[in-house]
PDB file of N, CA and C in Angstrom:
ATOM      1  N   MET A   1     -26.813  40.230  17.085  1.00  0.00           N
ATOM      2  CA  MET A   1     -27.759  38.717  16.824  1.00  0.00           C
ATOM      3  C   MET A   1     -26.303  38.247  15.930  1.00  0.00           C
ATOM      4  N   SER A   2     -26.028  37.268  15.719  1.00  0.00           N
ATOM      5  CA  SER A   2     -25.164  36.288  15.198  1.00  0.00           C
ATOM      6  C   SER A   2     -25.528  35.657  13.727  1.00  0.00           C
ATOM      7  N   PRO A   3     -23.871  35.709  13.012  1.00  0.00           N
ATOM      8  CA  PRO A   3     -24.948  34.820  11.598  1.00  0.00           C
ATOM      9  C   PRO A   3     -26.617  33.410  11.238  1.00  0.00           C
ATOM     10  N   ASP A   4     -26.639  32.960  12.188  1.00  0.00           N
ATOM     11  CA  ASP A   4     -27.355  31.477  12.714  1.00  0.00           C
ATOM     12  C   ASP A   4     -28.260  32.100  13.452  1.00  0.00           C
ATOM     13  N   GLY A   5     -28.345  34.012  13.632  1.00  0.00           N
ATOM     14  CA  GLY A   5     -29.521  33.839  14.171  1.00  0.00           C
ATOM     15  C   GLY A   5     -30.288  34.127  15.611  1.00  0.00           C
ATOM     16  N   ALA A   6     -28.387  33.767  16.020  1.00  0.00           N
ATOM     17  CA  ALA A   6     -29.061  33.491  17.777  1.00  0.00           C
ATOM     18  C   ALA A   6     -28.289  34.884  18.884  1.00  0.00           C
ATOM     19  N   ASP A   7     -28.940  35.338  19.683  1.00  0.00           N
ATOM     20  CA  ASP A   7     -27.974  36.265  19.803  1.00  0.00           C
ATOM     21  C   ASP A   7     -26.805  35.460  21.519  1.00  0.00           C
ATOM     22  N   MET A   8     -26.232  36.623  21.105  1.00  0.00           N
ATOM     23  CA  MET A   8     -24.516  35.288  22.064  1.00  0.00           C
ATOM     24  C   MET A   8     -24.540  35.347  23.354  1.00  0.00           C
ATOM     25  N   THR A   9     -25.879  35.093  24.014  1.00  0.00           N
ATOM     26  CA  THR A   9     -26.040  34.550  25.246  1.00  0.00           C
ATOM     27  C   THR A   9     -26.069  32.592  24.721  1.00  0.00           C
ATOM     28  N   GLU A  10     -27.377  33.033  23.705  1.00  0.00           N
ATOM     29  CA  GLU A  10     -27.890  31.291  23.233  1.00  0.00           C
ATOM     30  C   GLU A  10     -26.748  31.053  22.883  1.00  0.00           C
ATOM     31  N   ARG A  11     -25.880  31.810  22.485  1.00  0.00           N
ATOM     32  CA  ARG A  11     -24.885  30.887  21.224  1.00  0.00           C
ATOM     33  C   ARG A  11     -24.388  30.343  22.280  1.00  0.00           C
ATOM     34  N   GLU A  12     -23.399  30.967  23.486  1.00  0.00           N
ATOM     35  CA  GLU A  12     -22.671  30.858  24.191  1.00  0.00           C
ATOM     36  C   GLU A  12     -22.906  29.512  25.069  1.00  0.00           C
ATOM     37  N   THR A  13     -24.268  29.457  25.283  1.00  0.00           N
ATOM     38  CA  THR A  13     -24.631  28.387  26.093  1.00  0.00           C
ATOM     39  C   THR A  13     -25.013  27.294  25.711  1.00  0.00           C
ATOM     40  N   ARG A  14     -25.112  27.103  24.229  1.00  0.00           N
ATOM     41  CA  ARG A  14     -25.371  25.740  23.467  1.00  0.00           C
ATOM     42  C   ARG A  14     -24.263  24.968  23.566  1.00  0.00           C
ATOM     43  N   PRO A  15     -23.061  25.004  23.835  1.00  0.00           N
ATOM     44  CA  PRO A  15     -22.393  23.923  23.853  1.00  0.00           C
ATOM     45  C   PRO A  15     -22.827  23.000  25.070  1.00  0.00           C
ATOM     46  N   GLN A  16     -22.706  24.269  26.192  1.00  0.00           N
ATOM     47  CA  GLN A  16     -22.983  23.543  27.786  1.00  0.00           C
ATOM     48  C   GLN A  16     -24.194  23.099  27.342  1.00  0.00           C
ATOM     49  N   ASN A  17     -25.200  23.374  27.276  1.00  0.00           N
ATOM     50  CA  ASN A  17     -26.593  22.410  27.493  1.00  0.00           C
ATOM     51  C   ASN A  17     -26.302  21.321  26.524  1.00  0.00           C
ATOM     52  N   PHE A  18     -25.018  21.195  25.894  1.00  0.00           N
ATOM     53  CA  PHE A  18     -24.821  19.810  24.880  1.00  0.00           C
ATOM     54  C   PHE A  18     -24.394  19.034  25.948  1.00  0.00           C
ATOM     55  N   VAL A  19     -23.345  19.306  26.236  1.00  0.00           N
ATOM     56  CA  VAL A  19     -21.981  19.053  27.495  1.00  0.00           C
ATOM     57  C   VAL A  19     -23.461  17.924  28.209  1.00  0.00           C
ATOM     58  N   ASP A  20     -24.574  19.066  28.615  1.00  0.00           N
ATOM     59  CA  ASP A  20     -24.970  18.892  30.222  1.00  0.00           C
ATOM     60  C   ASP A  20     -25.933  17.538  29.496  1.00  0.00           C
ATOM     61  N   TRP A  21     -26.572  17.562  28.297  1.00  0.00           N
ATOM     62  CA  TRP A  21     -27.605  16.544  28.000  1.00  0.00           C
ATOM     63  C   TRP A  21     -26.194  15.590  27.834  1.00  0.00           C
ATOM     64  N   CYS A  22     -25.505  15.282  27.519  1.00  0.00           N
ATOM     65  CA  CYS A  22     -24.592  13.742  27.267  1.00  0.00           C
ATOM     66  C   CYS A  22     -24.106  13.352  28.429  1.00  0.00           C
ATOM     67  N   ALA A  23     -23.908  14.492  29.530  1.00  0.00           N
ATOM     68  CA  ALA A  23     -24.190  14.070  31.022  1.00  0.00           C
ATOM     69  C   ALA A  23     -24.534  13.342  31.260  1.00  0.00           C
ATOM     70  N   ALA A  24     -25.822  13.466  30.851  1.00  0.00           N
ATOM     71  CA  ALA A  24     -27.047  13.118  31.664  1.00  0.00           C
ATOM     72  C   ALA A  24     -27.544  12.259  30.433  1.00  0.00           C
ATOM     73  N   HIS A  25     -27.661  12.043  29.506  1.00  0.00           N
ATOM     74  CA  HIS A  25     -28.185  10.738  28.495  1.00  0.00           C
ATOM     75  C   HIS A  25     -27.420   9.983  28.338  1.00  0.00           C
ATOM     76  N   VAL A  26     -26.053  10.240  27.893  1.00  0.00           N
ATOM     77  CA  VAL A  26     -25.268   9.305  26.484  1.00  0.00           C
ATOM     78  C   VAL A  26     -24.597   8.567  27.716  1.00  0.00           C
ATOM     79  N   THR A  27     -24.537   7.094  27.497  1.00  0.00           N
ATOM     80  CA  THR A  27     -24.226   6.308  28.126  1.00  0.00           C
ATOM     81  C   THR A  27     -22.731   5.623  27.717  1.00  0.00           C
ATOM     82  N   GLY A  28     -22.644   5.617  26.089  1.00  0.00           N
ATOM     83  CA  GLY A  28     -21.927   5.202  25.467  1.00  0.00           C
ATOM     84  C   GLY A  28     -21.897   3.623  24.902  1.00  0.00           C
ATOM     85  N   ASP A  29     -23.524   3.374  24.297  1.00  0.00           N
ATOM     86  CA  ASP A  29     -23.451   3.194  23.163  1.00  0.00           C
ATOM     87  C   ASP A  29     -23.658   3.167  21.923  1.00  0.00           C
ATOM     88  N   GLU A  30     -22.486   2.963  21.368  1.00  0.00           N
ATOM     89  CA  GLU A  30     -23.052   3.537  19.890  1.00  0.00           C
ATOM     90  C   GLU A  30     -23.960   3.236  19.001  1.00  0.00           C
ATOM     91  N   LYS A  31     -24.496   1.685  18.747  1.00  0.00           N
ATOM     92  CA  LYS A  31     -25.572   1.359  18.066  1.00  0.00           C
ATOM     93  C   LYS A  31     -27.061   1.744  18.544  1.00  0.00           C
ATOM     94  N   GLY A  32     -27.315   2.621  19.521  1.00  0.00           N
ATOM     95  CA  GLY A  32     -28.181   2.927  20.743  1.00  0.00           C
ATOM     96  C   GLY A  32     -28.187   4.340  20.671  1.00  0.00           C
ATOM     97  N   GLU A  33     -27.462   5.135  20.613  1.00  0.00           N
ATOM     98  CA  GLU A  33     -26.694   6.217  20.755  1.00  0.00           C
ATOM     99  C   GLU A  33     -26.238   7.113  20.168  1.00  0.00           C
ATOM    100  N   ALA A  34     -25.465   6.980  18.577  1.00  0.00           N
ATOM    101  CA  ALA A  34     -24.895   7.480  17.580  1.00  0.00           C
ATOM    102  C   ALA A  34     -26.162   8.695  16.726  1.00  0.00           C
ATOM    103  N   GLN A  35     -26.666   8.477  16.187  1.00  0.00           N
ATOM    104  CA  GLN A  35     -27.570   9.108  15.944  1.00  0.00           C
ATOM    105  C   GLN A  35     -28.172  10.609  16.799  1.00  0.00           C
ATOM    106  N   LEU A  36     -28.489  10.186  18.107  1.00  0.00           N
ATOM    107  CA  LEU A  36     -29.266  11.301  18.864  1.00  0.00           C
ATOM    108  C   LEU A  36     -28.608  12.086  19.266  1.00  0.00           C
ATOM    109  N   PHE A  37     -26.962  11.631  19.148  1.00  0.00           N
ATOM    110  CA  PHE A  37     -25.544  12.365  19.819  1.00  0.00           C
ATOM    111  C   PHE A  37     -25.772  13.295  18.590  1.00  0.00           C
ATOM    112  N   LEU A  38     -25.645  12.961  17.765  1.00  0.00           N
ATOM    113  CA  LEU A  38     -24.375  13.490  16.922  1.00  0.00           C
ATOM    114  C   LEU A  38     -25.809  14.255  16.612  1.00  0.00           C
ATOM    115  N   ASP A  39     -27.020  14.438  16.457  1.00  0.00           N
ATOM    116  CA  ASP A  39     -28.716  15.336  16.005  1.00  0.00           C
ATOM    117  C   ASP A  39     -28.258  16.555  17.189  1.00  0.00           C
ATOM    118  N   HIS A  40     -28.191  16.336  18.235  1.00  0.00           N
ATOM    119  CA  HIS A  40     -27.615  17.490  19.367  1.00  0.00           C
ATOM    120  C   HIS A  40     -25.929  18.013  18.775  1.00  0.00           C
ATOM    121  N   LEU A  41     -25.559  17.426  19.005  1.00  0.00           N
ATOM    122  CA  LEU A  41     -24.344  18.109  18.211  1.00  0.00           C
ATOM    123  C   LEU A  41     -24.233  18.983  17.195  1.00  0.00           C
ATOM    124  N   PHE A  42     -25.614  18.805  16.471  1.00  0.00           N
ATOM    125  CA  PHE A  42     -25.251  20.221  15.181  1.00  0.00           C
ATOM    126  C   PHE A  42     -25.983  20.793  15.722  1.00  0.00           C
ATOM    127  N   ARG A  43     -26.538  20.823  16.559  1.00  0.00           N
ATOM    128  CA  ARG A  43     -27.803  21.656  17.878  1.00  0.00           C
ATOM    129  C   ARG A  43     -27.376  22.796  18.044  1.00  0.00           C
ATOM    130  N   ALA A  44     -25.471  21.835  18.668  1.00  0.00           N
ATOM    131  CA  ALA A  44     -24.846  23.212  19.829  1.00  0.00           C
ATOM    132  C   ALA A  44     -24.364  23.542  19.154  1.00  0.00           C
ATOM    133  N   PHE A  45     -23.923  23.729  17.055  1.00  0.00           N
ATOM    134  CA  PHE A  45     -23.463  24.285  16.561  1.00  0.00           C
ATOM    135  C   PHE A  45     -24.139  25.401  15.853  1.00  0.00           C
ATOM    136  N   GLY A  46     -25.678  25.278  16.656  1.00  0.00           N
ATOM    137  CA  GLY A  46     -26.585  26.338  16.078  1.00  0.00           C
ATOM    138  C   GLY A  46     -27.536  25.547  14.700  1.00  0.00           C
ATOM    139  N   HIS A  47     -27.737  24.288  14.239  1.00  0.00           N
ATOM    140  CA  HIS A  47     -28.150  23.838  12.822  1.00  0.00           C
ATOM    141  C   HIS A  47     -29.350  23.323  14.062  1.00  0.00           C
ATOM    142  N   ALA A  48     -30.385  23.170  12.802  1.00  0.00           N
ATOM    143  CA  ALA A  48     -31.850  23.010  13.545  1.00  0.00           C
ATOM    144  C   ALA A  48     -31.484  21.433  13.974  1.00  0.00           C
ATOM    145  N   GLY A  49     -30.884  20.861  12.863  1.00  0.00           N
ATOM    146  CA  GLY A  49     -30.037  19.079  13.337  1.00  0.00           C
ATOM    147  C   GLY A  49     -29.027  18.521  12.161  1.00  0.00           C
ATOM    148  N   LEU A  50     -29.183  17.050  12.400  1.00  0.00           N
ATOM    149  CA  LEU A  50     -28.148  16.972  10.754  1.00  0.00           C
ATOM    150  C   LEU A  50     -28.917  16.839   9.881  1.00  0.00           C
ATOM    151  N   LYS A  51     -29.702  16.091   9.638  1.00  0.00           N
ATOM    152  CA  LYS A  51     -30.740  16.518   8.488  1.00  0.00           C
ATOM    153  C   LYS A  51     -30.397  18.033   7.579  1.00  0.00           C
ATOM    154  N   GLU A  52     -31.148  18.751   9.092  1.00  0.00           N
ATOM    155  CA  GLU A  52     -31.743  20.225   8.395  1.00  0.00           C
ATOM    156  C   GLU A  52     -30.473  21.055   7.455  1.00  0.00           C
ATOM    157  N   ALA A  53     -29.513  20.592   8.077  1.00  0.00           N
ATOM    158  CA  ALA A  53     -27.454  20.694   7.922  1.00  0.00           C
ATOM    159  C   ALA A  53     -27.311  20.283   6.933  1.00  0.00           C
ATOM    160  N   GLY A  54     -28.017  19.106   5.734  1.00  0.00           N
ATOM    161  CA  GLY A  54     -27.252  18.544   5.334  1.00  0.00           C
ATOM    162  C   GLY A  54     -26.668  17.558   4.699  1.00  0.00           C
ATOM    163  N   ALA A  55     -26.552  16.792   6.226  1.00  0.00           N
ATOM    164  CA  ALA A  55     -25.526  15.467   6.266  1.00  0.00           C
ATOM    165  C   ALA A  55     -26.674  13.976   6.836  1.00  0.00           C
ATOM    166  N   THR A  56     -26.027  13.340   6.285  1.00  0.00           N
ATOM    167  CA  THR A  56     -26.711  11.919   6.608  1.00  0.00           C
ATOM    168  C   THR A  56     -26.025  10.850   7.335  1.00  0.00           C
ATOM    169  N   CYS A  57     -27.144   9.992   7.559  1.00  0.00           N
ATOM    170  CA  CYS A  57     -26.100   8.754   8.843  1.00  0.00           C
ATOM    171  C   CYS A  57     -26.286   7.391   7.484  1.00  0.00           C
ATOM    172  N   GLU A  58     -25.656   6.772   8.662  1.00  0.00           N
ATOM    173  CA  GLU A  58     -25.032   5.248   8.064  1.00  0.00           C
ATOM    174  C   GLU A  58     -25.127   5.515   6.091  1.00  0.00           C
ATOM    175  N   ASN A  59     -24.138   6.347   6.328  1.00  0.00           N
ATOM    176  CA  ASN A  59     -23.699   6.578   4.538  1.00  0.00           C
ATOM    177  C   ASN A  59     -22.765   5.402   3.840  1.00  0.00           C
ATOM    178  N   ARG A  60     -23.372   4.651   3.168  1.00  0.00           N
ATOM    179  CA  ARG A  60     -22.563   3.644   2.483  1.00  0.00           C
ATOM    180  C   ARG A  60     -21.000   3.859   1.756  1.00  0.00           C
ATOM    181  N   VAL A  61     -19.819   3.305   2.840  1.00  0.00           N
ATOM    182  CA  VAL A  61     -18.682   3.289   2.529  1.00  0.00           C
ATOM    183  C   VAL A  61     -17.997   2.211   1.857  1.00  0.00           C
ATOM    184  N   ARG A  62     -17.564   2.186   0.137  1.00  0.00           N
ATOM    185  CA  ARG A  62     -16.526   1.093  -0.440  1.00  0.00           C
ATOM    186  C   ARG A  62     -15.192   0.526   0.445  1.00  0.00           C
ATOM    187  N   LYS A  63     -15.410   0.282   0.883  1.00  0.00           N
ATOM    188  CA  LYS A  63     -13.971  -0.693   1.510  1.00  0.00           C
ATOM    189  C   LYS A  63     -12.593  -1.079   0.712  1.00  0.00           C
ATOM    190  N   ASP A  64     -11.834  -0.602   1.277  1.00  0.00           N
ATOM    191  CA  ASP A  64     -10.213  -1.085   0.482  1.00  0.00           C
ATOM    192  C   ASP A  64     -10.316  -2.198  -0.569  1.00  0.00           C
ATOM    193  N   GLY A  65     -10.636  -3.094   0.374  1.00  0.00           N
ATOM    194  CA  GLY A  65     -10.809  -4.692   0.013  1.00  0.00           C
ATOM    195  C   GLY A  65     -12.418  -5.154  -0.755  1.00  0.00           C
ATOM    196  N   GLY A  66     -12.046  -4.295  -1.315  1.00  0.00           N
ATOM    197  CA  GLY A  66     -14.142  -4.653  -1.367  1.00  0.00           C
ATOM    198  C   GLY A  66     -15.209  -4.768  -0.650  1.00  0.00           C
ATOM    199  N   GLY A  67     -16.613  -4.399  -0.532  1.00  0.00           N
ATOM    200  CA  GLY A  67     -17.184  -4.492  -0.019  1.00  0.00           C
ATOM    201  C   GLY A  67     -17.992  -3.180   0.954  1.00  0.00           C
ATOM    202  N   THR A  68     -18.555  -3.321   1.357  1.00  0.00           N
ATOM    203  CA  THR A  68     -19.380  -1.427   2.116  1.00  0.00           C
ATOM    204  C   THR A  68     -19.415  -2.294   3.392  1.00  0.00           C
ATOM    205  N   ALA A  69     -19.018  -0.865   3.662  1.00  0.00           N
ATOM    206  CA  ALA A  69     -19.311  -0.718   5.894  1.00  0.00           C
ATOM    207  C   ALA A  69     -20.126   0.614   5.552  1.00  0.00           C
ATOM    208  N   PHE A  70     -19.824   1.104   7.143  1.00  0.00           N
ATOM    209  CA  PHE A  70     -21.831   2.178   7.112  1.00  0.00           C
ATOM    210  C   PHE A  70     -20.764   3.269   7.507  1.00  0.00           C
ATOM    211  N   ALA A  71     -20.312   5.154   7.058  1.00  0.00           N
ATOM    212  CA  ALA A  71     -20.603   5.937   8.389  1.00  0.00           C
ATOM    213  C   ALA A  71     -21.459   6.386   9.169  1.00  0.00           C
ATOM    214  N   ASP A  72     -21.326   6.498  10.135  1.00  0.00           N
ATOM    215  CA  ASP A  72     -22.216   7.322  11.644  1.00  0.00           C
ATOM    216  C   ASP A  72     -22.642   8.189  10.582  1.00  0.00           C
ATOM    217  N   LEU A  73     -21.930   8.917  10.005  1.00  0.00           N
ATOM    218  CA  LEU A  73     -22.459  10.160   9.742  1.00  0.00           C
ATOM    219  C   LEU A  73     -21.405  10.827   8.618  1.00  0.00           C
ATOM    220  N   VAL A  74     -22.238  11.339   7.522  1.00  0.00           N
ATOM    221  CA  VAL A  74     -21.422  12.524   6.378  1.00  0.00           C
ATOM    222  C   VAL A  74     -21.872  13.421   5.988  1.00  0.00           C
ATOM    223  N   TRP A  75     -21.146  14.246   6.001  1.00  0.00           N
ATOM    224  CA  TRP A  75     -21.579  15.749   5.594  1.00  0.00           C
ATOM    225  C   TRP A  75     -20.654  16.450   4.881  1.00  0.00           C
ATOM    226  N   LYS A  76     -20.836  16.580   3.866  1.00  0.00           N
ATOM    227  CA  LYS A  76     -19.853  16.894   2.706  1.00  0.00           C
ATOM    228  C   LYS A  76     -20.233  18.240   2.412  1.00  0.00           C
ATOM    229  N   PRO A  77     -18.894  18.782   1.636  1.00  0.00           N
ATOM    230  CA  PRO A  77     -18.259  18.188   2.134  1.00  0.00           C
ATOM    231  C   PRO A  77     -17.002  18.655   3.449  1.00  0.00           C
ATOM    232  N   VAL A  78     -17.644  18.379   4.721  1.00  0.00           N
ATOM    233  CA  VAL A  78     -17.435  18.728   6.038  1.00  0.00           C
ATOM    234  C   VAL A  78     -16.819  18.187   6.774  1.00  0.00           C
ATOM    235  N   VAL A  79     -17.035  16.639   7.430  1.00  0.00           N
ATOM    236  CA  VAL A  79     -16.410  15.949   8.179  1.00  0.00           C
ATOM    237  C   VAL A  79     -17.555  14.114   7.483  1.00  0.00           C
ATOM    238  N   LEU A  80     -16.903  13.522   7.886  1.00  0.00           N
ATOM    239  CA  LEU A  80     -16.547  12.009   8.014  1.00  0.00           C
ATOM    240  C   LEU A  80     -17.092  11.454   9.580  1.00  0.00           C
ATOM    241  N   VAL A  81     -17.912  11.246   9.969  1.00  0.00           N
ATOM    242  CA  VAL A  81     -17.518  10.562  11.577  1.00  0.00           C
ATOM    243  C   VAL A  81     -18.161   8.937  11.248  1.00  0.00           C
ATOM    244  N   GLU A  82     -16.950   8.446  12.293  1.00  0.00           N
ATOM    245  CA  GLU A  82     -17.793   7.011  12.367  1.00  0.00           C
ATOM    246  C   GLU A  82     -17.388   6.529  14.239  1.00  0.00           C
ATOM    247  N   MET A  83     -18.144   6.809  14.827  1.00  0.00           N
ATOM    248  CA  MET A  83     -18.119   6.058  16.577  1.00  0.00           C
ATOM    249  C   MET A  83     -17.914   4.959  16.832  1.00  0.00           C
ATOM    250  N   LYS A  84     -17.800   5.264  17.988  1.00  0.00           N
ATOM    251  CA  LYS A  84     -17.402   3.928  18.417  1.00  0.00           C
ATOM    252  C   LYS A  84     -17.473   3.802  19.833  1.00  0.00           C
ATOM    253  N   LYS A  85     -17.822   2.450  20.893  1.00  0.00           N
ATOM    254  CA  LYS A  85     -18.291   2.474  21.662  1.00  0.00           C
ATOM    255  C   LYS A  85     -17.433   3.120  22.921  1.00  0.00           C
ATOM    256  N   ARG A  86     -18.032   3.969  24.262  1.00  0.00           N
ATOM    257  CA  ARG A  86     -16.667   4.615  24.447  1.00  0.00           C
ATOM    258  C   ARG A  86     -15.798   3.571  25.292  1.00  0.00           C
ATOM    259  N   GLY A  87     -14.214   3.910  25.459  1.00  0.00           N
ATOM    260  CA  GLY A  87     -13.113   3.139  25.570  1.00  0.00           C
ATOM    261  C   GLY A  87     -12.859   1.983  24.407  1.00  0.00           C
ATOM    262  N   THR A  88     -13.228   1.992  23.250  1.00  0.00           N
ATOM    263  CA  THR A  88     -12.678   1.241  22.113  1.00  0.00           C
ATOM    264  C   THR A  88     -11.629   1.830  21.805  1.00  0.00           C
ATOM    265  N   ASP A  89     -10.757   1.230  21.000  1.00  0.00           N
ATOM    266  CA  ASP A  89      -9.230   1.756  21.126  1.00  0.00           C
ATOM    267  C   ASP A  89      -9.842   2.008  19.541  1.00  0.00           C
ATOM    268  N   LEU A  90      -9.920   3.091  19.675  1.00  0.00           N
ATOM    269  CA  LEU A  90      -9.612   3.889  17.826  1.00  0.00           C
ATOM    270  C   LEU A  90      -8.875   3.059  16.797  1.00  0.00           C
ATOM    271  N   ALA A  91      -7.813   2.729  17.855  1.00  0.00           N
ATOM    272  CA  ALA A  91      -6.262   2.812  16.266  1.00  0.00           C
ATOM    273  C   ALA A  91      -6.916   1.660  15.213  1.00  0.00           C
ATOM    274  N   LYS A  92      -7.874   0.328  16.296  1.00  0.00           N
ATOM    275  CA  LYS A  92      -7.792  -0.992  15.664  1.00  0.00           C
ATOM    276  C   LYS A  92      -9.134  -0.433  13.973  1.00  0.00           C
ATOM    277  N   HIS A  93      -9.469   0.626  14.579  1.00  0.00           N
ATOM    278  CA  HIS A  93     -10.622   0.908  13.113  1.00  0.00           C
ATOM    279  C   HIS A  93      -9.653   2.253  12.169  1.00  0.00           C
ATOM    280  N   TYR A  94      -8.866   2.215  12.455  1.00  0.00           N
ATOM    281  CA  TYR A  94      -8.153   3.760  11.735  1.00  0.00           C
ATOM    282  C   TYR A  94      -8.634   3.567  10.313  1.00  0.00           C
ATOM    283  N   ARG A  95      -8.256   2.330   9.443  1.00  0.00           N
ATOM    284  CA  ARG A  95      -8.282   2.314   8.075  1.00  0.00           C
ATOM    285  C   ARG A  95     -10.074   1.842   7.462  1.00  0.00           C
TER     286      ARG A  95
END
């Protein structure tokens, strides 16, 4: 049994189940799919979901030049995720 309570077979199959789910359901629409995608990603790593792991969606982030932007997911202090539509040039969104 692993530390997250899953047997090794389940722990090994969760990532593939996530990939299969994405192939069947994710079309690349950031606004409509980001939170579902992220919740399923957390589940693939053994969490009950992103909220249960302590992550927040649409977290306010202060911009360098003033104003506010929204990060798709913040899981302090582990990761900040900003998603874009499939095929988007990410270099334009680096800052």
